[in-house]
Amino acid sequence: MRTRSHSPITRARRDGCPSGDIPISVHPKKRAPRRTARCDDAPPDALLHGIDQFNQQEFFDQHETLEGIWIHEPDAVRYLYQGILQVGVGFYHWRRGNWRGAVAKLGHGLAKLEPYRPSCMTIDVERLVLETAALREELERRGPADLPAFPPRGLPRVHRIT
């Protein structure tokens, strides 16, 4: 049996838009992470607060804080915020025994952080990437049946370069 593909207008009507108008997204078009001139700026207070939460292993709270700023940031530096957020979520999954979620989110975070190496907004991105990548590689090597206890020795912290 073949599955029918519906047009965007048909889907919009089905999803509650009687006129068939296609809803317009309020979020900027997704772009790949890239280094930006904003890397030379001082970090916003909310970023520093989220980093403090990350460093205290308050990963759920840091997610809420950093999500609040990356969603509203139009500049590509938003992916720096999102990368730190995703690394923290990876550690949150690890703490809860979710190997698959930990490996996936750590990988997503590392990919987002890559363009901001070695540093951005005084954040030592290089160190965070190297330390996180080493732990992710260990998780992949050991596999889901041998998930190390959390927190591991060498759990990364977000450092600043002054």
N, C-alpha and C. Protein backbone atom coordinates (compact mmCIF):
# COMPACT_ATOMS: atom_id res chain seq x y z
N MET A 1 0.83 -1.18 0.00
CA MET A 1 0.00 0.00 0.00
C MET A 1 0.88 1.25 0.00
N ARG A 2 0.58 2.18 -0.88
CA ARG A 2 1.36 3.41 -0.97
C ARG A 2 0.86 4.45 0.02
N THR A 3 1.79 5.20 0.54
CA THR A 3 1.44 6.31 1.43
C THR A 3 1.31 7.56 0.58
N ARG A 4 0.23 8.29 0.81
CA ARG A 4 0.01 9.52 0.05
C ARG A 4 0.72 10.70 0.70
N SER A 5 1.38 11.47 -0.11
CA SER A 5 2.01 12.69 0.37
C SER A 5 1.02 13.83 0.20
N HIS A 6 0.89 14.64 1.22
CA HIS A 6 -0.03 15.76 1.16
C HIS A 6 0.73 17.05 0.93
N SER A 7 0.09 17.98 0.23
CA SER A 7 0.71 19.27 -0.01
C SER A 7 0.75 20.07 1.29
N PRO A 8 1.60 21.10 1.36
CA PRO A 8 1.65 21.93 2.56
C PRO A 8 0.30 22.57 2.89
N ILE A 9 -0.46 22.94 1.88
CA ILE A 9 -1.77 23.55 2.12
C ILE A 9 -2.73 22.53 2.70
N THR A 10 -2.73 21.31 2.16
CA THR A 10 -3.59 20.25 2.70
C THR A 10 -3.22 19.97 4.15
N ARG A 11 -1.93 19.90 4.44
CA ARG A 11 -1.49 19.66 5.82
C ARG A 11 -1.91 20.81 6.73
N ALA A 12 -1.80 22.05 6.25
CA ALA A 12 -2.20 23.21 7.05
C ALA A 12 -3.69 23.15 7.37
N ARG A 13 -4.52 22.79 6.38
CA ARG A 13 -5.97 22.67 6.63
C ARG A 13 -6.24 21.56 7.63
N ARG A 14 -5.57 20.42 7.45
CA ARG A 14 -5.75 19.30 8.36
C ARG A 14 -5.35 19.68 9.79
N ASP A 15 -4.32 20.53 9.91
CA ASP A 15 -3.81 20.90 11.23
C ASP A 15 -4.53 22.10 11.83
N GLY A 16 -5.66 22.50 11.25
CA GLY A 16 -6.48 23.51 11.89
C GLY A 16 -6.44 24.89 11.28
N CYS A 17 -5.86 25.07 10.13
CA CYS A 17 -5.88 26.36 9.46
C CYS A 17 -6.91 26.28 8.33
N PRO A 18 -8.17 26.70 8.58
CA PRO A 18 -9.23 26.49 7.60
C PRO A 18 -8.96 27.14 6.25
N SER A 19 -8.25 28.25 6.23
CA SER A 19 -7.99 28.90 4.95
C SER A 19 -6.91 28.18 4.15
N GLY A 20 -6.20 27.29 4.83
CA GLY A 20 -5.11 26.60 4.16
C GLY A 20 -3.82 27.39 4.18
N ASP A 21 -3.85 28.55 4.87
CA ASP A 21 -2.62 29.34 4.97
C ASP A 21 -1.57 28.52 5.70
N ILE A 22 -0.36 28.59 5.22
CA ILE A 22 0.73 27.88 5.85
C ILE A 22 1.26 28.75 6.98
N PRO A 23 1.27 28.20 8.21
CA PRO A 23 1.77 29.00 9.34
C PRO A 23 3.20 29.45 9.10
N ILE A 24 3.49 30.67 9.52
CA ILE A 24 4.83 31.24 9.37
C ILE A 24 5.58 31.03 10.68
N SER A 25 6.81 30.53 10.57
CA SER A 25 7.64 30.30 11.74
C SER A 25 8.13 31.62 12.29
N VAL A 26 8.17 31.74 13.62
CA VAL A 26 8.71 32.94 14.24
C VAL A 26 10.21 32.83 14.47
N HIS A 27 10.77 31.64 14.26
CA HIS A 27 12.19 31.43 14.47
C HIS A 27 12.96 31.71 13.18
N PRO A 28 14.16 32.25 13.30
CA PRO A 28 14.96 32.48 12.10
C PRO A 28 15.27 31.15 11.41
N LYS A 29 15.48 31.23 10.12
CA LYS A 29 15.81 30.04 9.35
C LYS A 29 17.06 29.38 9.93
N LYS A 30 17.02 28.05 10.04
CA LYS A 30 18.17 27.33 10.59
C LYS A 30 19.37 27.50 9.68
N ARG A 31 20.48 27.77 10.30
CA ARG A 31 21.74 27.88 9.58
C ARG A 31 22.76 27.04 10.32
N ALA A 32 23.82 26.72 9.63
CA ALA A 32 24.89 25.95 10.27
C ALA A 32 25.63 26.85 11.26
N PRO A 33 26.12 26.26 12.35
CA PRO A 33 26.94 27.06 13.27
C PRO A 33 28.15 27.62 12.54
N ARG A 34 28.48 28.86 12.85
CA ARG A 34 29.65 29.50 12.24
C ARG A 34 30.18 30.57 13.17
N ARG A 35 31.48 30.77 13.11
CA ARG A 35 32.10 31.81 13.93
C ARG A 35 31.53 33.16 13.52
N THR A 36 31.38 34.04 14.48
CA THR A 36 30.77 35.34 14.24
C THR A 36 31.55 36.43 14.97
N ALA A 37 31.39 37.65 14.53
CA ALA A 37 32.06 38.78 15.19
C ALA A 37 31.62 38.92 16.64
N ARG A 38 30.45 38.38 16.98
CA ARG A 38 29.96 38.44 18.36
C ARG A 38 30.87 37.67 19.32
N CYS A 39 31.73 36.81 18.80
CA CYS A 39 32.67 36.08 19.67
C CYS A 39 33.60 37.03 20.41
N ASP A 40 33.78 38.22 19.88
CA ASP A 40 34.63 39.21 20.53
C ASP A 40 33.91 39.97 21.64
N ASP A 41 32.59 39.79 21.73
CA ASP A 41 31.80 40.48 22.75
C ASP A 41 31.98 39.82 24.12
N ALA A 42 31.65 40.56 25.15
CA ALA A 42 31.59 39.99 26.49
C ALA A 42 30.37 39.06 26.55
N PRO A 43 30.45 38.00 27.34
CA PRO A 43 29.31 37.09 27.43
C PRO A 43 28.14 37.76 28.15
N PRO A 44 26.91 37.51 27.68
CA PRO A 44 25.76 38.07 28.39
C PRO A 44 25.61 37.43 29.77
N ASP A 45 24.98 38.15 30.67
CA ASP A 45 24.80 37.66 32.04
C ASP A 45 24.10 36.30 32.08
N ALA A 46 23.11 36.10 31.22
CA ALA A 46 22.38 34.82 31.22
C ALA A 46 23.30 33.66 30.83
N LEU A 47 24.24 33.91 29.92
CA LEU A 47 25.19 32.87 29.56
C LEU A 47 26.07 32.53 30.76
N LEU A 48 26.55 33.55 31.45
CA LEU A 48 27.38 33.31 32.63
C LEU A 48 26.60 32.55 33.71
N HIS A 49 25.32 32.86 33.86
CA HIS A 49 24.48 32.15 34.83
C HIS A 49 24.33 30.69 34.42
N GLY A 50 24.07 30.44 33.12
CA GLY A 50 23.95 29.07 32.64
C GLY A 50 25.24 28.28 32.81
N ILE A 51 26.38 28.94 32.59
CA ILE A 51 27.68 28.29 32.78
C ILE A 51 27.89 27.94 34.25
N ASP A 52 27.50 28.85 35.13
CA ASP A 52 27.62 28.57 36.57
C ASP A 52 26.77 27.35 36.93
N GLN A 53 25.56 27.26 36.39
CA GLN A 53 24.70 26.09 36.64
C GLN A 53 25.34 24.82 36.07
N PHE A 54 25.91 24.91 34.88
CA PHE A 54 26.60 23.77 34.26
C PHE A 54 27.71 23.30 35.19
N ASN A 55 28.53 24.23 35.65
CA ASN A 55 29.68 23.89 36.47
C ASN A 55 29.29 23.33 37.85
N GLN A 56 28.07 23.62 38.28
CA GLN A 56 27.56 23.05 39.53
C GLN A 56 26.78 21.75 39.27
N GLN A 57 26.83 21.27 38.03
CA GLN A 57 26.15 20.05 37.60
C GLN A 57 24.63 20.16 37.73
N GLU A 58 24.11 21.36 37.63
CA GLU A 58 22.67 21.61 37.61
C GLU A 58 22.23 21.63 36.14
N PHE A 59 22.30 20.45 35.52
CA PHE A 59 22.15 20.38 34.07
C PHE A 59 20.73 20.69 33.59
N PHE A 60 19.72 20.33 34.35
CA PHE A 60 18.36 20.67 33.95
C PHE A 60 18.17 22.18 33.98
N ASP A 61 18.65 22.82 35.05
CA ASP A 61 18.51 24.27 35.18
C ASP A 61 19.31 25.02 34.11
N GLN A 62 20.53 24.53 33.82
CA GLN A 62 21.32 25.20 32.79
C GLN A 62 20.64 25.09 31.43
N HIS A 63 19.94 23.98 31.20
CA HIS A 63 19.18 23.83 29.96
C HIS A 63 18.13 24.92 29.86
N GLU A 64 17.38 25.14 30.92
CA GLU A 64 16.33 26.15 30.92
C GLU A 64 16.92 27.55 30.70
N THR A 65 17.99 27.85 31.39
CA THR A 65 18.62 29.17 31.27
C THR A 65 19.15 29.42 29.87
N LEU A 66 19.92 28.47 29.34
CA LEU A 66 20.55 28.67 28.03
C LEU A 66 19.53 28.60 26.90
N GLU A 67 18.50 27.79 27.07
CA GLU A 67 17.45 27.75 26.05
C GLU A 67 16.77 29.12 25.94
N GLY A 68 16.61 29.76 27.08
CA GLY A 68 15.98 31.08 27.08
C GLY A 68 16.74 32.13 26.29
N ILE A 69 18.07 31.97 26.18
CA ILE A 69 18.83 32.97 25.39
C ILE A 69 19.08 32.51 23.96
N TRP A 70 19.31 31.22 23.72
CA TRP A 70 19.63 30.84 22.34
C TRP A 70 18.41 30.95 21.44
N ILE A 71 17.23 30.73 21.97
CA ILE A 71 16.02 30.82 21.15
C ILE A 71 15.80 32.25 20.63
N HIS A 72 16.17 33.25 21.42
CA HIS A 72 15.91 34.64 21.03
C HIS A 72 17.11 35.32 20.37
N GLU A 73 18.22 34.61 20.26
CA GLU A 73 19.44 35.21 19.70
C GLU A 73 19.43 35.06 18.18
N PRO A 74 19.38 36.17 17.42
CA PRO A 74 19.36 36.06 15.96
C PRO A 74 20.74 35.76 15.34
N ASP A 75 21.81 36.10 16.06
CA ASP A 75 23.16 35.90 15.54
C ASP A 75 23.57 34.43 15.66
N ALA A 76 24.50 34.00 14.83
CA ALA A 76 24.97 32.61 14.84
C ALA A 76 25.65 32.23 16.15
N VAL A 77 25.98 33.20 17.00
CA VAL A 77 26.56 32.87 18.30
C VAL A 77 25.56 32.06 19.14
N ARG A 78 24.32 32.03 18.70
CA ARG A 78 23.29 31.23 19.39
C ARG A 78 23.71 29.77 19.47
N TYR A 79 24.49 29.29 18.49
CA TYR A 79 24.90 27.89 18.48
C TYR A 79 25.99 27.61 19.52
N LEU A 80 26.71 28.63 19.94
CA LEU A 80 27.61 28.47 21.08
C LEU A 80 26.78 28.15 22.31
N TYR A 81 25.73 28.95 22.53
CA TYR A 81 24.85 28.73 23.68
C TYR A 81 24.22 27.33 23.60
N GLN A 82 23.73 26.99 22.41
CA GLN A 82 23.06 25.70 22.24
C GLN A 82 24.05 24.54 22.41
N GLY A 83 25.28 24.73 21.96
CA GLY A 83 26.28 23.67 22.12
C GLY A 83 26.58 23.37 23.57
N ILE A 84 26.76 24.43 24.37
CA ILE A 84 26.99 24.24 25.81
C ILE A 84 25.77 23.56 26.43
N LEU A 85 24.59 24.04 26.06
CA LEU A 85 23.34 23.46 26.56
C LEU A 85 23.29 21.96 26.27
N GLN A 86 23.58 21.56 25.02
CA GLN A 86 23.48 20.16 24.63
C GLN A 86 24.52 19.29 25.33
N VAL A 87 25.70 19.80 25.55
CA VAL A 87 26.70 19.04 26.32
C VAL A 87 26.15 18.80 27.73
N GLY A 88 25.58 19.83 28.34
CA GLY A 88 24.99 19.66 29.66
C GLY A 88 23.86 18.65 29.66
N VAL A 89 23.03 18.66 28.64
CA VAL A 89 21.93 17.68 28.53
C VAL A 89 22.50 16.27 28.37
N GLY A 90 23.61 16.15 27.64
CA GLY A 90 24.27 14.85 27.52
C GLY A 90 24.70 14.31 28.87
N PHE A 91 25.25 15.19 29.70
CA PHE A 91 25.65 14.76 31.05
C PHE A 91 24.43 14.44 31.91
N TYR A 92 23.36 15.17 31.71
CA TYR A 92 22.10 14.89 32.41
C TYR A 92 21.62 13.47 32.07
N HIS A 93 21.65 13.12 30.78
CA HIS A 93 21.24 11.77 30.36
C HIS A 93 22.16 10.71 30.97
N TRP A 94 23.46 10.98 30.98
CA TRP A 94 24.42 10.04 31.56
C TRP A 94 24.09 9.80 33.04
N ARG A 95 23.86 10.89 33.78
CA ARG A 95 23.53 10.78 35.19
C ARG A 95 22.30 9.90 35.40
N ARG A 96 21.35 9.95 34.46
CA ARG A 96 20.12 9.18 34.58
C ARG A 96 20.23 7.78 33.98
N GLY A 97 21.43 7.40 33.52
CA GLY A 97 21.66 6.06 33.02
C GLY A 97 21.25 5.85 31.57
N ASN A 98 21.06 6.93 30.84
CA ASN A 98 20.62 6.85 29.44
C ASN A 98 21.83 6.99 28.52
N TRP A 99 22.46 5.87 28.20
CA TRP A 99 23.67 5.86 27.36
C TRP A 99 23.39 6.48 25.99
N ARG A 100 22.33 6.05 25.34
CA ARG A 100 22.02 6.54 23.98
C ARG A 100 21.82 8.06 23.98
N GLY A 101 21.03 8.56 24.93
CA GLY A 101 20.81 10.01 25.02
C GLY A 101 22.09 10.77 25.31
N ALA A 102 22.93 10.21 26.18
CA ALA A 102 24.20 10.87 26.52
C ALA A 102 25.11 10.98 25.30
N VAL A 103 25.29 9.87 24.61
CA VAL A 103 26.18 9.87 23.44
C VAL A 103 25.64 10.81 22.36
N ALA A 104 24.33 10.77 22.13
CA ALA A 104 23.73 11.60 21.09
C ALA A 104 23.87 13.09 21.43
N LYS A 105 23.47 13.48 22.63
CA LYS A 105 23.50 14.91 22.97
C LYS A 105 24.92 15.45 23.09
N LEU A 106 25.83 14.64 23.61
CA LEU A 106 27.23 15.09 23.65
C LEU A 106 27.73 15.32 22.23
N GLY A 107 27.39 14.43 21.31
CA GLY A 107 27.79 14.59 19.91
C GLY A 107 27.19 15.82 19.27
N HIS A 108 25.90 16.07 19.52
CA HIS A 108 25.25 17.27 18.96
C HIS A 108 25.91 18.53 19.51
N GLY A 109 26.18 18.54 20.81
CA GLY A 109 26.82 19.70 21.42
C GLY A 109 28.21 19.96 20.86
N LEU A 110 28.99 18.89 20.71
CA LEU A 110 30.35 19.04 20.16
C LEU A 110 30.30 19.61 18.75
N ALA A 111 29.36 19.14 17.94
CA ALA A 111 29.24 19.64 16.56
C ALA A 111 28.89 21.13 16.56
N LYS A 112 28.04 21.55 17.47
CA LYS A 112 27.66 22.97 17.53
C LYS A 112 28.83 23.83 18.01
N LEU A 113 29.65 23.30 18.90
CA LEU A 113 30.75 24.09 19.47
C LEU A 113 31.95 24.22 18.54
N GLU A 114 32.11 23.30 17.63
CA GLU A 114 33.31 23.23 16.78
C GLU A 114 33.71 24.57 16.16
N PRO A 115 32.81 25.31 15.53
CA PRO A 115 33.23 26.57 14.87
C PRO A 115 33.72 27.65 15.84
N TYR A 116 33.45 27.49 17.12
CA TYR A 116 33.78 28.53 18.09
C TYR A 116 35.11 28.29 18.79
N ARG A 117 35.84 27.26 18.35
CA ARG A 117 37.17 26.99 18.89
C ARG A 117 38.14 28.03 18.37
N PRO A 118 39.11 28.44 19.09
CA PRO A 118 39.48 28.01 20.42
C PRO A 118 38.69 28.70 21.53
N SER A 119 38.19 29.92 21.25
CA SER A 119 37.42 30.61 22.28
C SER A 119 36.41 31.54 21.63
N CYS A 120 35.36 31.83 22.40
CA CYS A 120 34.32 32.74 21.94
C CYS A 120 33.66 33.32 23.18
N MET A 121 33.49 34.63 23.20
CA MET A 121 32.89 35.34 24.34
C MET A 121 33.62 35.00 25.64
N THR A 122 34.91 34.88 25.57
CA THR A 122 35.81 34.54 26.68
C THR A 122 35.64 33.11 27.18
N ILE A 123 34.89 32.28 26.49
CA ILE A 123 34.69 30.88 26.87
C ILE A 123 35.80 30.06 26.24
N ASP A 124 36.45 29.22 27.03
CA ASP A 124 37.50 28.32 26.53
C ASP A 124 36.82 27.12 25.87
N VAL A 125 36.38 27.33 24.65
CA VAL A 125 35.65 26.30 23.89
C VAL A 125 36.57 25.12 23.59
N GLU A 126 37.82 25.39 23.30
CA GLU A 126 38.79 24.34 22.99
C GLU A 126 38.85 23.30 24.11
N ARG A 127 39.00 23.77 25.31
CA ARG A 127 39.10 22.87 26.46
C ARG A 127 37.81 22.07 26.66
N LEU A 128 36.67 22.74 26.55
CA LEU A 128 35.39 22.06 26.71
C LEU A 128 35.22 20.97 25.65
N VAL A 129 35.58 21.27 24.41
CA VAL A 129 35.45 20.30 23.32
C VAL A 129 36.38 19.11 23.55
N LEU A 130 37.64 19.36 23.88
CA LEU A 130 38.59 18.26 24.07
C LEU A 130 38.18 17.35 25.23
N GLU A 131 37.80 17.94 26.35
CA GLU A 131 37.43 17.14 27.53
C GLU A 131 36.12 16.37 27.30
N THR A 132 35.17 17.01 26.65
CA THR A 132 33.88 16.35 26.37
C THR A 132 34.06 15.24 25.35
N ALA A 133 34.84 15.49 24.30
CA ALA A 133 35.07 14.48 23.26
C ALA A 133 35.73 13.24 23.86
N ALA A 134 36.67 13.43 24.78
CA ALA A 134 37.34 12.28 25.40
C ALA A 134 36.34 11.42 26.17
N LEU A 135 35.42 12.05 26.90
CA LEU A 135 34.43 11.29 27.65
C LEU A 135 33.43 10.61 26.72
N ARG A 136 33.05 11.30 25.66
CA ARG A 136 32.11 10.70 24.69
C ARG A 136 32.75 9.47 24.03
N GLU A 137 34.03 9.58 23.68
CA GLU A 137 34.73 8.43 23.09
C GLU A 137 34.76 7.27 24.06
N GLU A 138 34.96 7.54 25.34
CA GLU A 138 34.95 6.47 26.33
C GLU A 138 33.57 5.81 26.41
N LEU A 139 32.53 6.62 26.40
CA LEU A 139 31.17 6.06 26.42
C LEU A 139 30.93 5.16 25.20
N GLU A 140 31.33 5.63 24.03
CA GLU A 140 31.13 4.84 22.82
C GLU A 140 31.94 3.54 22.89
N ARG A 141 33.16 3.61 23.37
CA ARG A 141 34.02 2.43 23.46
C ARG A 141 33.43 1.39 24.40
N ARG A 142 32.91 1.84 25.53
CA ARG A 142 32.39 0.91 26.54
C ARG A 142 30.99 0.39 26.20
N GLY A 143 30.19 1.19 25.52
CA GLY A 143 28.86 0.75 25.12
C GLY A 143 27.84 0.86 26.23
N PRO A 144 26.56 0.66 25.88
CA PRO A 144 25.47 0.88 26.84
C PRO A 144 25.46 -0.11 28.01
N ALA A 145 26.03 -1.29 27.83
CA ALA A 145 26.03 -2.29 28.91
C ALA A 145 27.07 -1.99 29.98
N ASP A 146 27.99 -1.05 29.70
CA ASP A 146 29.07 -0.74 30.64
C ASP A 146 29.16 0.77 30.87
N LEU A 147 28.01 1.39 31.16
CA LEU A 147 27.97 2.83 31.39
C LEU A 147 28.69 3.16 32.69
N PRO A 148 29.75 3.99 32.63
CA PRO A 148 30.47 4.36 33.85
C PRO A 148 29.59 5.16 34.80
N ALA A 149 29.93 5.10 36.08
CA ALA A 149 29.20 5.87 37.08
C ALA A 149 29.36 7.36 36.81
N PHE A 150 28.36 8.11 37.22
CA PHE A 150 28.38 9.56 37.06
C PHE A 150 28.50 10.19 38.44
N PRO A 151 29.29 11.23 38.62
CA PRO A 151 30.11 11.90 37.62
C PRO A 151 31.43 11.18 37.40
N PRO A 152 31.90 11.18 36.17
CA PRO A 152 33.19 10.56 35.89
C PRO A 152 34.32 11.47 36.35
N ARG A 153 35.49 10.87 36.54
CA ARG A 153 36.67 11.68 36.81
C ARG A 153 36.93 12.51 35.55
N GLY A 154 37.23 13.76 35.73
CA GLY A 154 37.50 14.62 34.58
C GLY A 154 36.25 15.20 33.94
N LEU A 155 35.13 15.22 34.67
CA LEU A 155 33.91 15.84 34.13
C LEU A 155 34.22 17.28 33.76
N PRO A 156 34.00 17.66 32.51
CA PRO A 156 34.34 19.03 32.10
C PRO A 156 33.56 20.10 32.84
N ARG A 157 34.21 21.21 32.98
CA ARG A 157 33.60 22.43 33.45
C ARG A 157 33.79 23.43 32.31
N VAL A 158 32.98 24.45 32.29
CA VAL A 158 33.15 25.50 31.28
C VAL A 158 34.06 26.55 31.91
N HIS A 159 35.21 26.76 31.26
CA HIS A 159 36.20 27.72 31.76
C HIS A 159 36.18 28.98 30.90
N ARG A 160 36.62 30.07 31.51
CA ARG A 160 36.73 31.32 30.78
C ARG A 160 38.20 31.68 30.61
N ILE A 161 38.50 32.33 29.53
CA ILE A 161 39.84 32.84 29.24
C ILE A 161 39.79 34.34 29.54
N THR A 162 40.66 34.77 30.42
CA THR A 162 40.63 36.21 30.77
C THR A 162 41.88 36.91 30.35
